[in-house]
């Protein structure tokens, strides 16, 4: 099918234009493919761009769909389309008018508000993906990119804390401290204020690890849960934390939510 056989739909928005394009695509899906082509024109904030689109629509026998909410631009677009007999469809105004009447309040008429919400959502998703990717020291490069880095021995809640903080839009990497493994050099190449050390009482950790072994069907007397081994690990982790000079939180009696909120406050207090 030649382009001359197609109808042109110009999608105009004073924001990204995704909403308008999705509506147009949904409508076009009810027709045979190839009958129409969509051209999206985002961030339309001046009348000269409106004039350009009107000209294109006239030349290509096109129609216009739009989600422009700024009154000056929207009114100019409607006037020009009417004076040149260009078919035009206002996607948002009918719904905005309906909600204005129902809510008995005036709309903000400000572009891009939906994407403010979208950006917040995507920041959270990005933070969650970051926490998964850089969990348990899998890739030390995450230490350099993180908003906060958690360090500590096994079973000090590093992973659940990372996920909890990710929902608060913080990118968190966590690194286990094990006596037999040298910590990544990246830990010593970032500001100590970005690192939070997690410590715990030997007795509490013994209980947690013993229960963990039970859950895995392993023997409780394994070295992993032995008090002597735990004390050795905690002593080693304390030396690393002191060398870094990071802040340390004792999680022995704290719930994950309590520790996460404390970390969040520390991070924001430092950045403010």
C-alpha atoms as a PDB file:
ATOM      1  CA  UNK A   1       0.000   0.000   0.000  1.00  0.00           C
ATOM      2  CA  UNK A   2       1.438   3.372  -0.941  1.00  0.00           C
ATOM      3  CA  UNK A   3       1.742   6.201   1.571  1.00  0.00           C
ATOM      4  CA  UNK A   4      -0.764   8.187  -0.493  1.00  0.00           C
ATOM      5  CA  UNK A   5      -3.406   5.595   0.358  1.00  0.00           C
ATOM      6  CA  UNK A   6      -2.866   6.082   4.072  1.00  0.00           C
ATOM      7  CA  UNK A   7      -4.579   8.538   6.335  1.00  0.00           C
ATOM      8  CA  UNK A   8      -2.278  10.617   8.496  1.00  0.00           C
ATOM      9  CA  UNK A   9      -3.024  11.107  12.167  1.00  0.00           C
ATOM     10  CA  UNK A  10      -1.054  13.860  13.850  1.00  0.00           C
ATOM     11  CA  UNK A  11      -0.830  13.374  17.591  1.00  0.00           C
ATOM     12  CA  UNK A  12      -0.070  16.657  19.364  1.00  0.00           C
ATOM     13  CA  UNK A  13       0.800  17.020  23.031  1.00  0.00           C
ATOM     14  CA  UNK A  14       2.349  19.633  25.308  1.00  0.00           C
ATOM     15  CA  UNK A  15       3.970  16.718  27.120  1.00  0.00           C
ATOM     16  CA  UNK A  16       5.350  13.402  25.860  1.00  0.00           C
ATOM     17  CA  UNK A  17       2.247  12.469  23.889  1.00  0.00           C
ATOM     18  CA  UNK A  18       2.119   8.812  24.912  1.00  0.00           C
ATOM     19  CA  UNK A  19      -1.446   9.052  26.233  1.00  0.00           C
ATOM     20  CA  UNK A  20      -2.812  10.490  22.991  1.00  0.00           C
ATOM     21  CA  UNK A  21      -0.883   8.011  20.863  1.00  0.00           C
ATOM     22  CA  UNK A  22      -2.183   5.059  22.869  1.00  0.00           C
ATOM     23  CA  UNK A  23      -5.770   6.254  22.452  1.00  0.00           C
ATOM     24  CA  UNK A  24      -5.286   6.681  18.694  1.00  0.00           C
ATOM     25  CA  UNK A  25      -3.666   3.256  18.385  1.00  0.00           C
ATOM     26  CA  UNK A  26      -6.531   1.704  20.331  1.00  0.00           C
ATOM     27  CA  UNK A  27      -9.005   3.277  17.915  1.00  0.00           C
ATOM     28  CA  UNK A  28      -6.990   2.263  14.842  1.00  0.00           C
ATOM     29  CA  UNK A  29      -6.795  -1.332  16.073  1.00  0.00           C
ATOM     30  CA  UNK A  30     -10.475  -1.634  15.121  1.00  0.00           C
ATOM     31  CA  UNK A  31      -9.534  -1.154  11.453  1.00  0.00           C
ATOM     32  CA  UNK A  32      -7.358  -2.982   8.944  1.00  0.00           C
ATOM     33  CA  UNK A  33      -3.644  -2.491   9.447  1.00  0.00           C
ATOM     34  CA  UNK A  34      -1.890   0.006   7.230  1.00  0.00           C
ATOM     35  CA  UNK A  35      -4.906   2.284   6.799  1.00  0.00           C
ATOM     36  CA  UNK A  36      -3.368   5.077   8.867  1.00  0.00           C
ATOM     37  CA  UNK A  37       0.041   6.332   9.921  1.00  0.00           C
ATOM     38  CA  UNK A  38       0.674   8.169  13.186  1.00  0.00           C
ATOM     39  CA  UNK A  39       3.034  11.091  13.613  1.00  0.00           C
ATOM     40  CA  UNK A  40       3.568  12.178  17.190  1.00  0.00           C
ATOM     41  CA  UNK A  41       4.568  15.796  17.905  1.00  0.00           C
ATOM     42  CA  UNK A  42       5.456  16.125  21.608  1.00  0.00           C
ATOM     43  CA  UNK A  43       6.168  19.175  23.768  1.00  0.00           C
ATOM     44  CA  UNK A  44       4.121  21.607  21.696  1.00  0.00           C
ATOM     45  CA  UNK A  45       4.276  24.879  23.627  1.00  0.00           C
ATOM     46  CA  UNK A  46       4.122  27.548  20.910  1.00  0.00           C
ATOM     47  CA  UNK A  47       1.803  28.568  18.097  1.00  0.00           C
ATOM     48  CA  UNK A  48       4.437  28.240  15.382  1.00  0.00           C
ATOM     49  CA  UNK A  49       4.588  24.469  15.923  1.00  0.00           C
ATOM     50  CA  UNK A  50       0.799  24.383  15.727  1.00  0.00           C
ATOM     51  CA  UNK A  51       0.974  26.206  12.374  1.00  0.00           C
ATOM     52  CA  UNK A  52       3.478  23.642  11.068  1.00  0.00           C
ATOM     53  CA  UNK A  53       1.244  20.717  12.024  1.00  0.00           C
ATOM     54  CA  UNK A  54      -1.850  22.350  10.529  1.00  0.00           C
ATOM     55  CA  UNK A  55       0.061  22.837   7.270  1.00  0.00           C
ATOM     56  CA  UNK A  56       1.134  19.179   7.221  1.00  0.00           C
ATOM     57  CA  UNK A  57      -2.388  18.022   7.963  1.00  0.00           C
ATOM     58  CA  UNK A  58      -3.751  20.094   5.078  1.00  0.00           C
ATOM     59  CA  UNK A  59      -1.110  18.783   2.658  1.00  0.00           C
ATOM     60  CA  UNK A  60      -1.617  15.130   3.646  1.00  0.00           C
ATOM     61  CA  UNK A  61      -5.372  15.191   4.187  1.00  0.00           C
ATOM     62  CA  UNK A  62      -4.680  14.341   7.827  1.00  0.00           C
ATOM     63  CA  UNK A  63      -6.530  14.533  11.097  1.00  0.00           C
ATOM     64  CA  UNK A  64      -5.310  15.721  14.478  1.00  0.00           C
ATOM     65  CA  UNK A  65      -5.726  14.193  17.935  1.00  0.00           C
ATOM     66  CA  UNK A  66      -4.346  16.093  20.893  1.00  0.00           C
ATOM     67  CA  UNK A  67      -3.784  16.227  24.630  1.00  0.00           C
ATOM     68  CA  UNK A  68      -2.868  19.883  24.997  1.00  0.00           C
ATOM     69  CA  UNK A  69      -4.096  21.367  28.272  1.00  0.00           C
ATOM     70  CA  UNK A  70      -2.448  24.798  28.319  1.00  0.00           C
ATOM     71  CA  UNK A  71      -5.405  27.044  27.350  1.00  0.00           C
ATOM     72  CA  UNK A  72      -3.565  29.459  25.043  1.00  0.00           C
ATOM     73  CA  UNK A  73      -2.042  26.722  22.874  1.00  0.00           C
ATOM     74  CA  UNK A  74      -5.159  24.548  22.942  1.00  0.00           C
ATOM     75  CA  UNK A  75      -7.467  27.409  21.880  1.00  0.00           C
ATOM     76  CA  UNK A  76      -5.118  28.440  19.063  1.00  0.00           C
ATOM     77  CA  UNK A  77      -4.947  24.843  17.829  1.00  0.00           C
ATOM     78  CA  UNK A  78      -8.742  24.543  17.795  1.00  0.00           C
ATOM     79  CA  UNK A  79      -9.160  27.866  16.011  1.00  0.00           C
ATOM     80  CA  UNK A  80      -6.613  27.041  13.289  1.00  0.00           C
ATOM     81  CA  UNK A  81      -8.039  23.572  12.727  1.00  0.00           C
ATOM     82  CA  UNK A  82     -11.541  25.006  12.382  1.00  0.00           C
ATOM     83  CA  UNK A  83     -10.484  27.770   9.994  1.00  0.00           C
ATOM     84  CA  UNK A  84      -8.694  25.269   7.719  1.00  0.00           C
ATOM     85  CA  UNK A  85     -11.323  22.517   7.998  1.00  0.00           C
ATOM     86  CA  UNK A  86      -8.856  20.054   9.549  1.00  0.00           C
ATOM     87  CA  UNK A  87     -10.668  17.340  11.526  1.00  0.00           C
ATOM     88  CA  UNK A  88      -9.504  17.467  15.147  1.00  0.00           C
ATOM     89  CA  UNK A  89     -10.239  15.505  18.315  1.00  0.00           C
ATOM     90  CA  UNK A  90      -9.644  16.680  21.872  1.00  0.00           C
ATOM     91  CA  UNK A  91      -8.844  13.584  23.918  1.00  0.00           C
ATOM     92  CA  UNK A  92      -8.601  15.000  27.436  1.00  0.00           C
ATOM     93  CA  UNK A  93     -11.051  17.898  27.723  1.00  0.00           C
ATOM     94  CA  UNK A  94     -14.298  15.849  27.858  1.00  0.00           C
ATOM     95  CA  UNK A  95     -12.928  13.762  30.736  1.00  0.00           C
ATOM     96  CA  UNK A  96     -11.428  16.795  32.484  1.00  0.00           C
ATOM     97  CA  UNK A  97     -14.769  18.606  32.208  1.00  0.00           C
ATOM     98  CA  UNK A  98     -16.603  15.588  33.604  1.00  0.00           C
ATOM     99  CA  UNK A  99     -14.233  15.383  36.590  1.00  0.00           C
ATOM    100  CA  UNK A 100     -14.350  19.159  37.088  1.00  0.00           C
ATOM    101  CA  UNK A 101     -18.130  18.987  37.441  1.00  0.00           C
ATOM    102  CA  UNK A 102     -18.015  15.921  39.647  1.00  0.00           C
ATOM    103  CA  UNK A 103     -15.228  17.190  41.936  1.00  0.00           C
ATOM    104  CA  UNK A 104     -16.491  20.771  41.886  1.00  0.00           C
ATOM    105  CA  UNK A 105     -12.986  22.146  41.460  1.00  0.00           C
ATOM    106  CA  UNK A 106     -10.930  23.627  38.632  1.00  0.00           C
ATOM    107  CA  UNK A 107      -8.227  21.635  36.813  1.00  0.00           C
ATOM    108  CA  UNK A 108      -4.581  22.685  37.031  1.00  0.00           C
ATOM    109  CA  UNK A 109      -4.211  22.903  33.236  1.00  0.00           C
ATOM    110  CA  UNK A 110      -0.548  22.008  33.647  1.00  0.00           C
ATOM    111  CA  UNK A 111       1.190  19.717  31.177  1.00  0.00           C
ATOM    112  CA  UNK A 112       3.196  16.616  32.085  1.00  0.00           C
ATOM    113  CA  UNK A 113       1.579  15.858  35.459  1.00  0.00           C
ATOM    114  CA  UNK A 114       0.932  12.201  34.624  1.00  0.00           C
ATOM    115  CA  UNK A 115       4.606  11.730  33.837  1.00  0.00           C
ATOM    116  CA  UNK A 116       5.556  13.148  37.221  1.00  0.00           C
ATOM    117  CA  UNK A 117       3.765  10.124  38.661  1.00  0.00           C
ATOM    118  CA  UNK A 118       5.281   7.817  36.050  1.00  0.00           C
ATOM    119  CA  UNK A 119       8.801   9.014  36.805  1.00  0.00           C
ATOM    120  CA  UNK A 120       8.316   8.293  40.501  1.00  0.00           C
ATOM    121  CA  UNK A 121       7.104   4.782  39.652  1.00  0.00           C
ATOM    122  CA  UNK A 122      10.020   4.123  37.320  1.00  0.00           C
ATOM    123  CA  UNK A 123      12.496   5.393  39.941  1.00  0.00           C
ATOM    124  CA  UNK A 124      11.122   2.798  42.346  1.00  0.00           C
ATOM    125  CA  UNK A 125      11.335   0.020  39.758  1.00  0.00           C
ATOM    126  CA  UNK A 126      14.892   1.042  38.902  1.00  0.00           C
ATOM    127  CA  UNK A 127      15.854   1.005  42.576  1.00  0.00           C
ATOM    128  CA  UNK A 128      14.332  -2.463  43.074  1.00  0.00           C
ATOM    129  CA  UNK A 129      16.173  -3.822  40.026  1.00  0.00           C
ATOM    130  CA  UNK A 130      19.372  -2.233  41.311  1.00  0.00           C
ATOM    131  CA  UNK A 131      18.979  -3.937  44.705  1.00  0.00           C
ATOM    132  CA  UNK A 132      18.537  -7.327  43.029  1.00  0.00           C
ATOM    133  CA  UNK A 133      21.471  -6.845  40.662  1.00  0.00           C
ATOM    134  CA  UNK A 134      23.888  -5.743  43.376  1.00  0.00           C
ATOM    135  CA  UNK A 135      22.687  -8.038  46.151  1.00  0.00           C
ATOM    136  CA  UNK A 136      25.180 -10.004  48.231  1.00  0.00           C
ATOM    137  CA  UNK A 137      28.256  -8.478  46.586  1.00  0.00           C
ATOM    138  CA  UNK A 138      27.531 -10.009  43.166  1.00  0.00           C
ATOM    139  CA  UNK A 139      29.049  -7.062  41.350  1.00  0.00           C
ATOM    140  CA  UNK A 140      31.230  -4.635  43.347  1.00  0.00           C
ATOM    141  CA  UNK A 141      30.702  -1.953  40.703  1.00  0.00           C
ATOM    142  CA  UNK A 142      27.315  -1.388  42.312  1.00  0.00           C
ATOM    143  CA  UNK A 143      29.098   0.058  45.334  1.00  0.00           C
ATOM    144  CA  UNK A 144      30.213   3.018  43.223  1.00  0.00           C
ATOM    145  CA  UNK A 145      26.719   3.654  41.826  1.00  0.00           C
ATOM    146  CA  UNK A 146      24.643   3.102  44.961  1.00  0.00           C
ATOM    147  CA  UNK A 147      22.966   5.724  47.111  1.00  0.00           C
ATOM    148  CA  UNK A 148      23.776   3.590  50.134  1.00  0.00           C
ATOM    149  CA  UNK A 149      25.894   0.484  50.693  1.00  0.00           C
ATOM    150  CA  UNK A 150      25.099  -2.024  53.431  1.00  0.00           C
ATOM    151  CA  UNK A 151      27.868  -4.193  54.833  1.00  0.00           C
ATOM    152  CA  UNK A 152      27.810  -6.893  57.472  1.00  0.00           C
ATOM    153  CA  UNK A 153      28.102 -10.584  58.134  1.00  0.00           C
ATOM    154  CA  UNK A 154      25.584 -13.102  56.822  1.00  0.00           C
ATOM    155  CA  UNK A 155      22.037 -12.880  58.253  1.00  0.00           C
ATOM    156  CA  UNK A 156      22.130  -9.244  59.353  1.00  0.00           C
ATOM    157  CA  UNK A 157      19.125  -8.461  57.089  1.00  0.00           C
ATOM    158  CA  UNK A 158      21.123  -6.855  54.280  1.00  0.00           C
ATOM    159  CA  UNK A 159      18.894  -8.192  51.498  1.00  0.00           C
ATOM    160  CA  UNK A 160      15.476  -7.373  53.022  1.00  0.00           C
ATOM    161  CA  UNK A 161      16.785  -3.939  54.009  1.00  0.00           C
ATOM    162  CA  UNK A 162      17.974  -3.356  50.441  1.00  0.00           C
ATOM    163  CA  UNK A 163      14.524  -4.204  49.083  1.00  0.00           C
ATOM    164  CA  UNK A 164      12.707  -2.123  51.701  1.00  0.00           C
ATOM    165  CA  UNK A 165      14.880   0.911  50.949  1.00  0.00           C
ATOM    166  CA  UNK A 166      14.430   0.356  47.209  1.00  0.00           C
ATOM    167  CA  UNK A 167      10.709   0.971  47.694  1.00  0.00           C
ATOM    168  CA  UNK A 168      11.763   4.333  49.104  1.00  0.00           C
ATOM    169  CA  UNK A 169      13.580   5.007  45.789  1.00  0.00           C
ATOM    170  CA  UNK A 170      17.084   4.442  47.179  1.00  0.00           C
ATOM    171  CA  UNK A 171      19.581   2.437  45.125  1.00  0.00           C
ATOM    172  CA  UNK A 172      21.153   0.020  47.574  1.00  0.00           C
ATOM    173  CA  UNK A 173      24.073  -2.363  47.152  1.00  0.00           C
ATOM    174  CA  UNK A 174      25.004  -4.789  49.896  1.00  0.00           C
ATOM    175  CA  UNK A 175      28.271  -6.585  50.517  1.00  0.00           C
ATOM    176  CA  UNK A 176      28.795  -9.545  52.869  1.00  0.00           C
ATOM    177  CA  UNK A 177      31.849  -9.477  55.111  1.00  0.00           C
ATOM    178  CA  UNK A 178      33.547 -12.854  55.406  1.00  0.00           C
ATOM    179  CA  UNK A 179      36.977 -13.344  57.066  1.00  0.00           C
ATOM    180  CA  UNK A 180      38.234 -15.552  54.240  1.00  0.00           C
ATOM    181  CA  UNK A 181      37.274 -13.069  51.499  1.00  0.00           C
ATOM    182  CA  UNK A 182      38.867  -9.671  50.999  1.00  0.00           C
ATOM    183  CA  UNK A 183      36.224  -6.947  50.739  1.00  0.00           C
ATOM    184  CA  UNK A 184      36.040  -5.251  47.326  1.00  0.00           C
ATOM    185  CA  UNK A 185      38.359  -2.271  47.001  1.00  0.00           C
ATOM    186  CA  UNK A 186      35.371  -0.193  45.893  1.00  0.00           C
ATOM    187  CA  UNK A 187      34.289  -0.078  49.554  1.00  0.00           C
ATOM    188  CA  UNK A 188      37.332   2.041  50.316  1.00  0.00           C
ATOM    189  CA  UNK A 189      36.874   4.301  47.291  1.00  0.00           C
ATOM    190  CA  UNK A 190      33.484   5.826  48.131  1.00  0.00           C
ATOM    191  CA  UNK A 191      32.580   8.325  50.871  1.00  0.00           C
ATOM    192  CA  UNK A 192      32.227   6.563  54.211  1.00  0.00           C
ATOM    193  CA  UNK A 193      28.943   8.436  54.740  1.00  0.00           C
ATOM    194  CA  UNK A 194      27.422   6.322  51.993  1.00  0.00           C
ATOM    195  CA  UNK A 195      28.203   3.071  53.809  1.00  0.00           C
ATOM    196  CA  UNK A 196      26.178   1.624  56.677  1.00  0.00           C
ATOM    197  CA  UNK A 197      27.648  -1.195  58.750  1.00  0.00           C
ATOM    198  CA  UNK A 198      25.227  -3.702  60.261  1.00  0.00           C
ATOM    199  CA  UNK A 199      26.184  -5.521  63.417  1.00  0.00           C
ATOM    200  CA  UNK A 200      24.355  -7.902  65.736  1.00  0.00           C
ATOM    201  CA  UNK A 201      24.905  -9.668  69.045  1.00  0.00           C
ATOM    202  CA  UNK A 202      26.585 -13.098  68.773  1.00  0.00           C
ATOM    203  CA  UNK A 203      23.760 -14.785  70.669  1.00  0.00           C
ATOM    204  CA  UNK A 204      21.062 -13.299  68.445  1.00  0.00           C
ATOM    205  CA  UNK A 205      22.969 -14.266  65.308  1.00  0.00           C
ATOM    206  CA  UNK A 206      23.467 -17.774  66.638  1.00  0.00           C
ATOM    207  CA  UNK A 207      19.695 -18.128  67.046  1.00  0.00           C
ATOM    208  CA  UNK A 208      18.992 -16.774  63.555  1.00  0.00           C
ATOM    209  CA  UNK A 209      21.548 -18.988  61.865  1.00  0.00           C
ATOM    210  CA  UNK A 210      20.452 -22.065  63.779  1.00  0.00           C
ATOM    211  CA  UNK A 211      16.877 -21.520  62.631  1.00  0.00           C
ATOM    212  CA  UNK A 212      18.140 -20.987  59.102  1.00  0.00           C
ATOM    213  CA  UNK A 213      19.944 -24.330  59.159  1.00  0.00           C
ATOM    214  CA  UNK A 214      16.802 -26.033  60.438  1.00  0.00           C
ATOM    215  CA  UNK A 215      14.765 -24.518  57.613  1.00  0.00           C
ATOM    216  CA  UNK A 216      17.291 -25.866  55.112  1.00  0.00           C
ATOM    217  CA  UNK A 217      17.246 -29.318  56.721  1.00  0.00           C
ATOM    218  CA  UNK A 218      20.905 -29.075  57.750  1.00  0.00           C
ATOM    219  CA  UNK A 219      22.583 -29.986  61.018  1.00  0.00           C
ATOM    220  CA  UNK A 220      22.363 -27.298  63.686  1.00  0.00           C
ATOM    221  CA  UNK A 221      25.949 -27.853  64.810  1.00  0.00           C
ATOM    222  CA  UNK A 222      27.368 -26.713  61.475  1.00  0.00           C
ATOM    223  CA  UNK A 223      30.221 -24.213  61.725  1.00  0.00           C
ATOM    224  CA  UNK A 224      27.976 -21.546  60.175  1.00  0.00           C
ATOM    225  CA  UNK A 225      25.991 -21.306  63.412  1.00  0.00           C
ATOM    226  CA  UNK A 226      28.820 -22.039  65.865  1.00  0.00           C
ATOM    227  CA  UNK A 227      29.227 -19.258  68.410  1.00  0.00           C
ATOM    228  CA  UNK A 228      33.017 -19.259  68.039  1.00  0.00           C
ATOM    229  CA  UNK A 229      32.726 -18.798  64.278  1.00  0.00           C
ATOM    230  CA  UNK A 230      30.130 -16.051  64.693  1.00  0.00           C
ATOM    231  CA  UNK A 231      32.356 -14.138  67.106  1.00  0.00           C
ATOM    232  CA  UNK A 232      35.245 -14.431  64.659  1.00  0.00           C
ATOM    233  CA  UNK A 233      33.105 -13.032  61.817  1.00  0.00           C
ATOM    234  CA  UNK A 234      31.764 -10.169  63.926  1.00  0.00           C
ATOM    235  CA  UNK A 235      35.246  -9.216  65.085  1.00  0.00           C
ATOM    236  CA  UNK A 236      36.448  -9.208  61.483  1.00  0.00           C
ATOM    237  CA  UNK A 237      33.469  -7.118  60.289  1.00  0.00           C
ATOM    238  CA  UNK A 238      34.045  -4.617  63.105  1.00  0.00           C
ATOM    239  CA  UNK A 239      37.645  -4.149  61.948  1.00  0.00           C
ATOM    240  CA  UNK A 240      36.510  -3.499  58.357  1.00  0.00           C
ATOM    241  CA  UNK A 241      33.823  -1.035  59.473  1.00  0.00           C
ATOM    242  CA  UNK A 242      36.285   0.835  61.669  1.00  0.00           C
ATOM    243  CA  UNK A 243      38.786   0.971  58.816  1.00  0.00           C
ATOM    244  CA  UNK A 244      36.128   2.478  56.532  1.00  0.00           C
ATOM    245  CA  UNK A 245      34.885   4.815  59.244  1.00  0.00           C
ATOM    246  CA  UNK A 246      31.235   4.187  58.406  1.00  0.00           C
ATOM    247  CA  UNK A 247      28.209   4.519  60.639  1.00  0.00           C
ATOM    248  CA  UNK A 248      27.180   1.294  62.374  1.00  0.00           C
ATOM    249  CA  UNK A 249      23.712   0.107  63.331  1.00  0.00           C
ATOM    250  CA  UNK A 250      23.088  -2.735  65.775  1.00  0.00           C
ATOM    251  CA  UNK A 251      20.144  -4.730  64.379  1.00  0.00           C
ATOM    252  CA  UNK A 252      19.949  -7.190  67.303  1.00  0.00           C
ATOM    253  CA  UNK A 253      16.614  -5.883  68.600  1.00  0.00           C
ATOM    254  CA  UNK A 254      15.367  -3.941  65.566  1.00  0.00           C
ATOM    255  CA  UNK A 255      12.742  -4.940  63.029  1.00  0.00           C
ATOM    256  CA  UNK A 256      13.679  -4.533  59.365  1.00  0.00           C
ATOM    257  CA  UNK A 257      11.263  -1.602  59.004  1.00  0.00           C
ATOM    258  CA  UNK A 258      12.803   0.189  61.992  1.00  0.00           C
ATOM    259  CA  UNK A 259      16.346  -0.258  60.702  1.00  0.00           C
ATOM    260  CA  UNK A 260      15.342   0.783  57.173  1.00  0.00           C
ATOM    261  CA  UNK A 261      13.694   3.978  58.419  1.00  0.00           C
ATOM    262  CA  UNK A 262      16.781   4.790  60.480  1.00  0.00           C
ATOM    263  CA  UNK A 263      19.033   4.284  57.431  1.00  0.00           C
ATOM    264  CA  UNK A 264      16.703   6.387  55.287  1.00  0.00           C
ATOM    265  CA  UNK A 265      16.843   9.239  57.809  1.00  0.00           C
ATOM    266  CA  UNK A 266      20.642   9.023  58.025  1.00  0.00           C
ATOM    267  CA  UNK A 267      21.042   9.115  54.251  1.00  0.00           C
ATOM    268  CA  UNK A 268      18.666  12.026  53.786  1.00  0.00           C
ATOM    269  CA  UNK A 269      20.120  13.946  56.695  1.00  0.00           C
ATOM    270  CA  UNK A 270      23.568  13.670  55.156  1.00  0.00           C
ATOM    271  CA  UNK A 271      22.404  14.661  51.656  1.00  0.00           C
ATOM    272  CA  UNK A 272      20.364  17.636  52.833  1.00  0.00           C
END
